[in-house]
Amino acid sequence: MKPSAQPASQAAPATAASRSAASLWSTPFFAVLRRDLLLACRARADLVVSLLFFVLVACLFPLAVGADAARLRAMAPGILWVAALLSALLSQHRLFAQDHADGALEQWLLSPEPAALWVLAKILAHWIGTGLPLVLMAPAMGLLFDLSQCSRWTLSISFALGTPVLALLGALGAALTLGLRGGGVLQALLLLPLFAPVLIFGAGSVTACAAGQVHATPFLLLGAALLAALALVPPACALALRFAVE
């Protein structure tokens, strides 16, 4: 016997859902996100260099301070967060450079879509390529410094909250220094003071966990910083980019 045909009432919602998903994926935000992720996959060397830089910086500190396990555990939060901060600085100055060189940036700024929307998509794609691997590697790097399980997971959560803030602030620095000679150095000078609170709260959460203290407050502060950066940085980046191309 032939199977009965699917009722039209069941096929219609499925078709509507697929069309809705397709239209959502084709919105400017997801179009820019998809484009930047594809470009990042094709330029895997840049992502690997950023990740290797983080690992090498973290591994060099034990060679410098000695093999004292207690000392390494005490210094681990600051070491790993400094390594993550330097790794973030390594590639952020190129966030808008290629789009500015090939004229895509001007086309996006002339489009009717809000500029802050595609700026946010570019920042998200950049974080997926450079920040998310750090979040996933945090527990393994914690083992290198003999951190407890609680401290390792706290480190991972602090990276998940803090590295997006670094990516957002880095995008602002990249937009402000776009097209300037020595923009990478100037960007680092602008960003390091802004990165300091993220470094303090991120490392402080792991230190508090290792000491058996309440470490929810640094998480709340990192979350507040992330929300503030999400609200303020994309429009500020869009404004800075308009000045840069004019």
C-alpha atoms as a PDB file:
ATOM      1  CA  MET A   1       0.000   0.000   0.000  1.00  0.00           C
ATOM      2  CA  LYS A   2       1.195   3.522  -0.759  1.00  0.00           C
ATOM      3  CA  PRO A   3       1.692   5.754   2.258  1.00  0.00           C
ATOM      4  CA  SER A   4      -0.971   8.347   2.675  1.00  0.00           C
ATOM      5  CA  ALA A   5      -0.085  11.818   1.487  1.00  0.00           C
ATOM      6  CA  GLN A   6       0.951  14.295   4.153  1.00  0.00           C
ATOM      7  CA  PRO A   7      -1.962  16.550   5.030  1.00  0.00           C
ATOM      8  CA  ALA A   8      -1.672  20.047   3.658  1.00  0.00           C
ATOM      9  CA  SER A   9      -2.281  21.416   7.149  1.00  0.00           C
ATOM     10  CA  GLN A  10       0.963  19.795   8.347  1.00  0.00           C
ATOM     11  CA  ALA A  11       3.018  20.674   5.255  1.00  0.00           C
ATOM     12  CA  ALA A  12       2.078  24.350   5.305  1.00  0.00           C
ATOM     13  CA  PRO A  13       3.545  25.155   8.768  1.00  0.00           C
ATOM     14  CA  ALA A  14       6.750  23.305   7.893  1.00  0.00           C
ATOM     15  CA  THR A  15       7.081  25.269   4.656  1.00  0.00           C
ATOM     16  CA  ALA A  16       6.383  28.547   6.445  1.00  0.00           C
ATOM     17  CA  ALA A  17       8.963  27.722   9.124  1.00  0.00           C
ATOM     18  CA  SER A  18      11.618  26.908   6.539  1.00  0.00           C
ATOM     19  CA  ARG A  19      10.886  30.141   4.669  1.00  0.00           C
ATOM     20  CA  SER A  20      11.078  32.100   7.914  1.00  0.00           C
ATOM     21  CA  ALA A  21      14.437  30.533   8.781  1.00  0.00           C
ATOM     22  CA  ALA A  22      15.755  31.225   5.277  1.00  0.00           C
ATOM     23  CA  SER A  23      14.632  34.853   5.394  1.00  0.00           C
ATOM     24  CA  LEU A  24      16.200  35.286   8.842  1.00  0.00           C
ATOM     25  CA  TRP A  25      19.498  33.833   7.634  1.00  0.00           C
ATOM     26  CA  SER A  26      19.473  36.225   4.652  1.00  0.00           C
ATOM     27  CA  THR A  27      19.090  39.366   6.780  1.00  0.00           C
ATOM     28  CA  PRO A  28      22.018  41.829   6.624  1.00  0.00           C
ATOM     29  CA  PHE A  29      23.202  40.861  10.117  1.00  0.00           C
ATOM     30  CA  PHE A  30      23.478  37.158   9.319  1.00  0.00           C
ATOM     31  CA  ALA A  31      24.780  37.870   5.815  1.00  0.00           C
ATOM     32  CA  VAL A  32      27.717  39.832   7.245  1.00  0.00           C
ATOM     33  CA  LEU A  33      28.210  37.234   9.980  1.00  0.00           C
ATOM     34  CA  ARG A  34      28.264  34.397   7.450  1.00  0.00           C
ATOM     35  CA  ARG A  35      30.628  36.305   5.152  1.00  0.00           C
ATOM     36  CA  ASP A  36      33.128  37.094   7.903  1.00  0.00           C
ATOM     37  CA  LEU A  37      33.060  33.544   9.244  1.00  0.00           C
ATOM     38  CA  LEU A  38      33.781  32.192   5.759  1.00  0.00           C
ATOM     39  CA  LEU A  39      36.652  34.652   5.344  1.00  0.00           C
ATOM     40  CA  ALA A  40      38.014  33.641   8.741  1.00  0.00           C
ATOM     41  CA  CYS A  41      37.878  29.971   7.768  1.00  0.00           C
ATOM     42  CA  ARG A  42      39.838  30.727   4.601  1.00  0.00           C
ATOM     43  CA  ALA A  43      42.441  32.679   6.581  1.00  0.00           C
ATOM     44  CA  ARG A  44      42.896  30.071   9.282  1.00  0.00           C
ATOM     45  CA  ALA A  45      46.540  31.045   9.781  1.00  0.00           C
ATOM     46  CA  ASP A  46      45.521  34.288  11.531  1.00  0.00           C
ATOM     47  CA  LEU A  47      43.266  32.397  13.936  1.00  0.00           C
ATOM     48  CA  VAL A  48      45.931  29.784  14.655  1.00  0.00           C
ATOM     49  CA  VAL A  49      48.559  32.464  15.295  1.00  0.00           C
ATOM     50  CA  SER A  50      46.292  34.218  17.805  1.00  0.00           C
ATOM     51  CA  LEU A  51      45.581  30.965  19.627  1.00  0.00           C
ATOM     52  CA  LEU A  52      49.227  29.868  19.623  1.00  0.00           C
ATOM     53  CA  PHE A  53      50.241  33.271  20.957  1.00  0.00           C
ATOM     54  CA  PHE A  54      47.899  32.789  23.919  1.00  0.00           C
ATOM     55  CA  VAL A  55      49.300  29.323  24.633  1.00  0.00           C
ATOM     56  CA  LEU A  56      52.936  30.408  24.290  1.00  0.00           C
ATOM     57  CA  VAL A  57      52.545  33.437  26.554  1.00  0.00           C
ATOM     58  CA  ALA A  58      50.841  31.287  29.195  1.00  0.00           C
ATOM     59  CA  CYS A  59      53.544  28.607  28.928  1.00  0.00           C
ATOM     60  CA  LEU A  60      56.439  31.078  29.204  1.00  0.00           C
ATOM     61  CA  PHE A  61      55.427  32.339  32.636  1.00  0.00           C
ATOM     62  CA  PRO A  62      56.086  29.026  34.461  1.00  0.00           C
ATOM     63  CA  LEU A  63      59.563  28.998  32.915  1.00  0.00           C
ATOM     64  CA  ALA A  64      60.201  32.480  34.285  1.00  0.00           C
ATOM     65  CA  VAL A  65      58.776  32.146  37.814  1.00  0.00           C
ATOM     66  CA  GLY A  66      59.799  28.557  38.544  1.00  0.00           C
ATOM     67  CA  ALA A  67      57.981  25.299  39.144  1.00  0.00           C
ATOM     68  CA  ASP A  68      56.548  26.097  42.580  1.00  0.00           C
ATOM     69  CA  ALA A  69      52.986  24.749  42.296  1.00  0.00           C
ATOM     70  CA  ALA A  70      51.541  27.004  45.000  1.00  0.00           C
ATOM     71  CA  ARG A  71      53.087  30.077  43.430  1.00  0.00           C
ATOM     72  CA  LEU A  72      51.823  29.138  39.973  1.00  0.00           C
ATOM     73  CA  ARG A  73      48.294  28.571  41.294  1.00  0.00           C
ATOM     74  CA  ALA A  74      48.320  32.012  42.898  1.00  0.00           C
ATOM     75  CA  MET A  75      49.574  33.701  39.729  1.00  0.00           C
ATOM     76  CA  ALA A  76      47.546  31.656  37.225  1.00  0.00           C
ATOM     77  CA  PRO A  77      44.437  33.906  37.019  1.00  0.00           C
ATOM     78  CA  GLY A  78      46.477  36.996  36.220  1.00  0.00           C
ATOM     79  CA  ILE A  79      48.809  35.151  33.839  1.00  0.00           C
ATOM     80  CA  LEU A  80      46.017  33.576  31.807  1.00  0.00           C
ATOM     81  CA  TRP A  81      44.016  36.773  31.634  1.00  0.00           C
ATOM     82  CA  VAL A  82      47.036  38.812  30.537  1.00  0.00           C
ATOM     83  CA  ALA A  83      47.719  36.184  27.859  1.00  0.00           C
ATOM     84  CA  ALA A  84      44.098  36.418  26.677  1.00  0.00           C
ATOM     85  CA  LEU A  85      44.271  40.219  26.635  1.00  0.00           C
ATOM     86  CA  LEU A  86      47.473  40.255  24.561  1.00  0.00           C
ATOM     87  CA  SER A  87      46.035  37.639  22.222  1.00  0.00           C
ATOM     88  CA  ALA A  88      42.978  39.842  21.701  1.00  0.00           C
ATOM     89  CA  LEU A  89      45.181  42.820  20.824  1.00  0.00           C
ATOM     90  CA  LEU A  90      47.092  40.786  18.255  1.00  0.00           C
ATOM     91  CA  SER A  91      44.428  40.712  15.545  1.00  0.00           C
ATOM     92  CA  GLN A  92      41.886  43.407  16.384  1.00  0.00           C
ATOM     93  CA  HIS A  93      43.549  46.185  14.381  1.00  0.00           C
ATOM     94  CA  ARG A  94      42.687  44.295  11.163  1.00  0.00           C
ATOM     95  CA  LEU A  95      38.962  44.074  11.908  1.00  0.00           C
ATOM     96  CA  PHE A  96      37.891  46.788   9.433  1.00  0.00           C
ATOM     97  CA  ALA A  97      41.123  47.238   7.453  1.00  0.00           C
ATOM     98  CA  GLN A  98      40.353  44.869   4.572  1.00  0.00           C
ATOM     99  CA  ASP A  99      36.801  46.161   4.131  1.00  0.00           C
ATOM    100  CA  HIS A 100      38.161  49.694   4.073  1.00  0.00           C
ATOM    101  CA  ALA A 101      40.777  48.780   1.473  1.00  0.00           C
ATOM    102  CA  ASP A 102      38.394  47.074  -0.966  1.00  0.00           C
ATOM    103  CA  GLY A 103      35.566  49.611  -0.632  1.00  0.00           C
ATOM    104  CA  ALA A 104      33.082  47.296   1.089  1.00  0.00           C
ATOM    105  CA  LEU A 105      33.038  49.540   4.140  1.00  0.00           C
ATOM    106  CA  GLU A 106      31.753  52.527   2.164  1.00  0.00           C
ATOM    107  CA  GLN A 107      29.030  50.415   0.554  1.00  0.00           C
ATOM    108  CA  TRP A 108      27.821  49.192   3.929  1.00  0.00           C
ATOM    109  CA  LEU A 109      27.775  52.720   5.322  1.00  0.00           C
ATOM    110  CA  LEU A 110      25.698  53.868   2.335  1.00  0.00           C
ATOM    111  CA  SER A 111      23.173  51.040   2.724  1.00  0.00           C
ATOM    112  CA  PRO A 112      19.816  51.777   4.404  1.00  0.00           C
ATOM    113  CA  GLU A 113      20.466  49.180   7.105  1.00  0.00           C
ATOM    114  CA  PRO A 114      21.651  50.457  10.509  1.00  0.00           C
ATOM    115  CA  ALA A 115      25.444  50.515  10.493  1.00  0.00           C
ATOM    116  CA  ALA A 116      25.574  49.382  14.114  1.00  0.00           C
ATOM    117  CA  LEU A 117      23.892  46.115  13.103  1.00  0.00           C
ATOM    118  CA  TRP A 118      26.544  44.927  10.671  1.00  0.00           C
ATOM    119  CA  VAL A 119      29.295  46.256  12.951  1.00  0.00           C
ATOM    120  CA  LEU A 120      27.922  43.985  15.663  1.00  0.00           C
ATOM    121  CA  ALA A 121      27.883  41.078  13.200  1.00  0.00           C
ATOM    122  CA  LYS A 122      31.555  41.653  12.363  1.00  0.00           C
ATOM    123  CA  ILE A 123      32.458  41.802  16.048  1.00  0.00           C
ATOM    124  CA  LEU A 124      30.556  38.576  16.723  1.00  0.00           C
ATOM    125  CA  ALA A 125      32.324  36.803  13.860  1.00  0.00           C
ATOM    126  CA  HIS A 126      35.673  38.062  15.142  1.00  0.00           C
ATOM    127  CA  TRP A 127      34.903  36.819  18.661  1.00  0.00           C
ATOM    128  CA  ILE A 128      33.818  33.399  17.390  1.00  0.00           C
ATOM    129  CA  GLY A 129      37.163  33.041  15.646  1.00  0.00           C
ATOM    130  CA  THR A 130      39.417  34.427  18.380  1.00  0.00           C
ATOM    131  CA  GLY A 131      37.544  34.546  21.694  1.00  0.00           C
ATOM    132  CA  LEU A 132      35.505  31.348  21.664  1.00  0.00           C
ATOM    133  CA  PRO A 133      38.602  29.108  21.297  1.00  0.00           C
ATOM    134  CA  LEU A 134      40.033  30.730  24.440  1.00  0.00           C
ATOM    135  CA  VAL A 135      36.835  29.931  26.334  1.00  0.00           C
ATOM    136  CA  LEU A 136      37.038  26.301  25.228  1.00  0.00           C
ATOM    137  CA  MET A 137      40.748  26.054  26.047  1.00  0.00           C
ATOM    138  CA  ALA A 138      40.493  27.652  29.486  1.00  0.00           C
ATOM    139  CA  PRO A 139      39.949  24.402  31.472  1.00  0.00           C
ATOM    140  CA  ALA A 140      42.936  22.755  29.776  1.00  0.00           C
ATOM    141  CA  MET A 141      45.134  25.779  30.436  1.00  0.00           C
ATOM    142  CA  GLY A 142      43.995  25.726  34.050  1.00  0.00           C
ATOM    143  CA  LEU A 143      45.360  22.202  34.351  1.00  0.00           C
ATOM    144  CA  LEU A 144      48.759  23.534  33.292  1.00  0.00           C
ATOM    145  CA  PHE A 145      48.777  25.699  36.418  1.00  0.00           C
ATOM    146  CA  ASP A 146      47.301  22.993  38.674  1.00  0.00           C
ATOM    147  CA  LEU A 147      44.058  24.895  39.251  1.00  0.00           C
ATOM    148  CA  SER A 148      41.161  23.180  40.970  1.00  0.00           C
ATOM    149  CA  GLN A 149      38.097  22.118  39.013  1.00  0.00           C
ATOM    150  CA  CYS A 150      36.105  25.039  40.424  1.00  0.00           C
ATOM    151  CA  SER A 151      38.824  27.485  39.402  1.00  0.00           C
ATOM    152  CA  ARG A 152      39.068  26.023  35.909  1.00  0.00           C
ATOM    153  CA  TRP A 153      35.345  26.361  35.254  1.00  0.00           C
ATOM    154  CA  THR A 154      35.332  29.830  36.810  1.00  0.00           C
ATOM    155  CA  LEU A 155      38.139  30.782  34.437  1.00  0.00           C
ATOM    156  CA  SER A 156      36.122  29.509  31.480  1.00  0.00           C
ATOM    157  CA  ILE A 157      33.015  31.448  32.542  1.00  0.00           C
ATOM    158  CA  SER A 158      35.051  34.604  33.116  1.00  0.00           C
ATOM    159  CA  PHE A 159      36.513  34.230  29.619  1.00  0.00           C
ATOM    160  CA  ALA A 160      32.996  33.742  28.208  1.00  0.00           C
ATOM    161  CA  LEU A 161      31.890  37.025  29.791  1.00  0.00           C
ATOM    162  CA  GLY A 162      35.098  38.997  29.424  1.00  0.00           C
ATOM    163  CA  THR A 163      36.449  38.179  25.970  1.00  0.00           C
ATOM    164  CA  PRO A 164      33.326  39.585  24.219  1.00  0.00           C
ATOM    165  CA  VAL A 165      33.978  42.858  26.057  1.00  0.00           C
ATOM    166  CA  LEU A 166      37.570  42.789  24.802  1.00  0.00           C
ATOM    167  CA  ALA A 167      36.303  42.162  21.260  1.00  0.00           C
ATOM    168  CA  LEU A 168      33.817  45.047  21.459  1.00  0.00           C
ATOM    169  CA  LEU A 169      36.341  47.497  22.877  1.00  0.00           C
ATOM    170  CA  GLY A 170      38.908  46.302  20.353  1.00  0.00           C
ATOM    171  CA  ALA A 171      36.473  47.015  17.533  1.00  0.00           C
ATOM    172  CA  LEU A 172      36.042  50.549  18.847  1.00  0.00           C
ATOM    173  CA  GLY A 173      39.807  51.007  18.892  1.00  0.00           C
ATOM    174  CA  ALA A 174      40.082  49.600  15.367  1.00  0.00           C
ATOM    175  CA  ALA A 175      37.407  52.017  14.127  1.00  0.00           C
ATOM    176  CA  LEU A 176      39.039  55.035  15.795  1.00  0.00           C
ATOM    177  CA  THR A 177      42.485  54.258  14.357  1.00  0.00           C
ATOM    178  CA  LEU A 178      41.370  53.071  10.908  1.00  0.00           C
ATOM    179  CA  GLY A 179      43.597  54.421   8.153  1.00  0.00           C
ATOM    180  CA  LEU A 180      46.140  55.982  10.523  1.00  0.00           C
ATOM    181  CA  ARG A 181      49.840  55.257  10.235  1.00  0.00           C
ATOM    182  CA  GLY A 182      50.926  53.185  13.220  1.00  0.00           C
ATOM    183  CA  GLY A 183      47.302  52.484  14.024  1.00  0.00           C
ATOM    184  CA  GLY A 184      48.088  49.171  15.714  1.00  0.00           C
ATOM    185  CA  VAL A 185      50.368  50.809  18.299  1.00  0.00           C
ATOM    186  CA  LEU A 186      47.940  53.670  18.864  1.00  0.00           C
ATOM    187  CA  GLN A 187      45.101  51.195  19.268  1.00  0.00           C
ATOM    188  CA  ALA A 188      47.030  49.298  21.946  1.00  0.00           C
ATOM    189  CA  LEU A 189      47.686  52.537  23.837  1.00  0.00           C
ATOM    190  CA  LEU A 190      43.988  53.418  23.670  1.00  0.00           C
ATOM    191  CA  LEU A 191      42.703  49.995  24.653  1.00  0.00           C
ATOM    192  CA  LEU A 192      44.995  48.866  27.458  1.00  0.00           C
ATOM    193  CA  PRO A 193      43.456  51.278  30.017  1.00  0.00           C
ATOM    194  CA  LEU A 194      39.963  50.177  28.935  1.00  0.00           C
ATOM    195  CA  PHE A 195      40.940  46.514  29.214  1.00  0.00           C
ATOM    196  CA  ALA A 196      42.148  46.941  32.808  1.00  0.00           C
ATOM    197  CA  PRO A 197      38.723  46.565  34.524  1.00  0.00           C
ATOM    198  CA  VAL A 198      37.974  43.413  32.512  1.00  0.00           C
ATOM    199  CA  LEU A 199      41.359  42.015  33.529  1.00  0.00           C
ATOM    200  CA  ILE A 200      40.761  42.851  37.189  1.00  0.00           C
ATOM    201  CA  PHE A 201      37.249  41.375  37.350  1.00  0.00           C
ATOM    202  CA  GLY A 202      38.142  38.292  35.306  1.00  0.00           C
ATOM    203  CA  ALA A 203      41.238  37.403  37.292  1.00  0.00           C
ATOM    204  CA  GLY A 204      39.493  38.359  40.534  1.00  0.00           C
ATOM    205  CA  SER A 205      36.699  35.849  39.971  1.00  0.00           C
ATOM    206  CA  VAL A 206      39.183  32.974  39.642  1.00  0.00           C
ATOM    207  CA  THR A 207      41.203  34.166  42.633  1.00  0.00           C
ATOM    208  CA  ALA A 208      38.053  34.370  44.762  1.00  0.00           C
ATOM    209  CA  CYS A 209      37.019  30.863  43.717  1.00  0.00           C
ATOM    210  CA  ALA A 210      40.473  29.474  44.574  1.00  0.00           C
ATOM    211  CA  ALA A 211      40.264  31.111  48.008  1.00  0.00           C
ATOM    212  CA  GLY A 212      36.798  29.686  48.650  1.00  0.00           C
ATOM    213  CA  GLN A 213      35.171  33.105  48.588  1.00  0.00           C
ATOM    214  CA  VAL A 214      32.018  34.268  46.839  1.00  0.00           C
ATOM    215  CA  HIS A 215      32.923  34.954  43.210  1.00  0.00           C
ATOM    216  CA  ALA A 216      29.514  35.991  41.868  1.00  0.00           C
ATOM    217  CA  THR A 217      30.257  39.720  42.163  1.00  0.00           C
ATOM    218  CA  PRO A 218      33.022  39.746  39.504  1.00  0.00           C
ATOM    219  CA  PHE A 219      30.684  37.789  37.213  1.00  0.00           C
ATOM    220  CA  LEU A 220      27.956  40.389  37.711  1.00  0.00           C
ATOM    221  CA  LEU A 221      30.398  43.195  36.988  1.00  0.00           C
ATOM    222  CA  LEU A 222      31.639  41.446  33.842  1.00  0.00           C
ATOM    223  CA  GLY A 223      28.040  40.886  32.754  1.00  0.00           C
ATOM    224  CA  ALA A 224      27.221  44.545  33.341  1.00  0.00           C
ATOM    225  CA  ALA A 225      30.293  45.573  31.345  1.00  0.00           C
ATOM    226  CA  LEU A 226      29.231  43.262  28.516  1.00  0.00           C
ATOM    227  CA  LEU A 227      25.707  44.700  28.391  1.00  0.00           C
ATOM    228  CA  ALA A 228      27.030  48.260  28.458  1.00  0.00           C
ATOM    229  CA  ALA A 229      29.522  47.497  25.681  1.00  0.00           C
ATOM    230  CA  LEU A 230      26.831  45.828  23.557  1.00  0.00           C
ATOM    231  CA  ALA A 231      24.640  48.909  23.872  1.00  0.00           C
ATOM    232  CA  LEU A 232      27.293  51.592  23.369  1.00  0.00           C
ATOM    233  CA  VAL A 233      30.127  50.221  21.236  1.00  0.00           C
ATOM    234  CA  PRO A 234      28.380  49.307  17.921  1.00  0.00           C
ATOM    235  CA  PRO A 235      26.837  52.790  17.434  1.00  0.00           C
ATOM    236  CA  ALA A 236      30.127  54.414  18.458  1.00  0.00           C
ATOM    237  CA  CYS A 237      32.015  52.205  15.988  1.00  0.00           C
ATOM    238  CA  ALA A 238      29.591  53.110  13.204  1.00  0.00           C
ATOM    239  CA  LEU A 239      30.091  56.821  13.894  1.00  0.00           C
ATOM    240  CA  ALA A 240      33.888  56.445  13.979  1.00  0.00           C
ATOM    241  CA  LEU A 241      33.847  54.513  10.699  1.00  0.00           C
ATOM    242  CA  ARG A 242      31.810  57.245   9.003  1.00  0.00           C
ATOM    243  CA  PHE A 243      34.437  59.800  10.015  1.00  0.00           C
ATOM    244  CA  ALA A 244      37.215  57.455   8.838  1.00  0.00           C
ATOM    245  CA  VAL A 245      35.822  57.025   5.318  1.00  0.00           C
ATOM    246  CA  GLU A 246      34.994  60.719   4.946  1.00  0.00           C
END
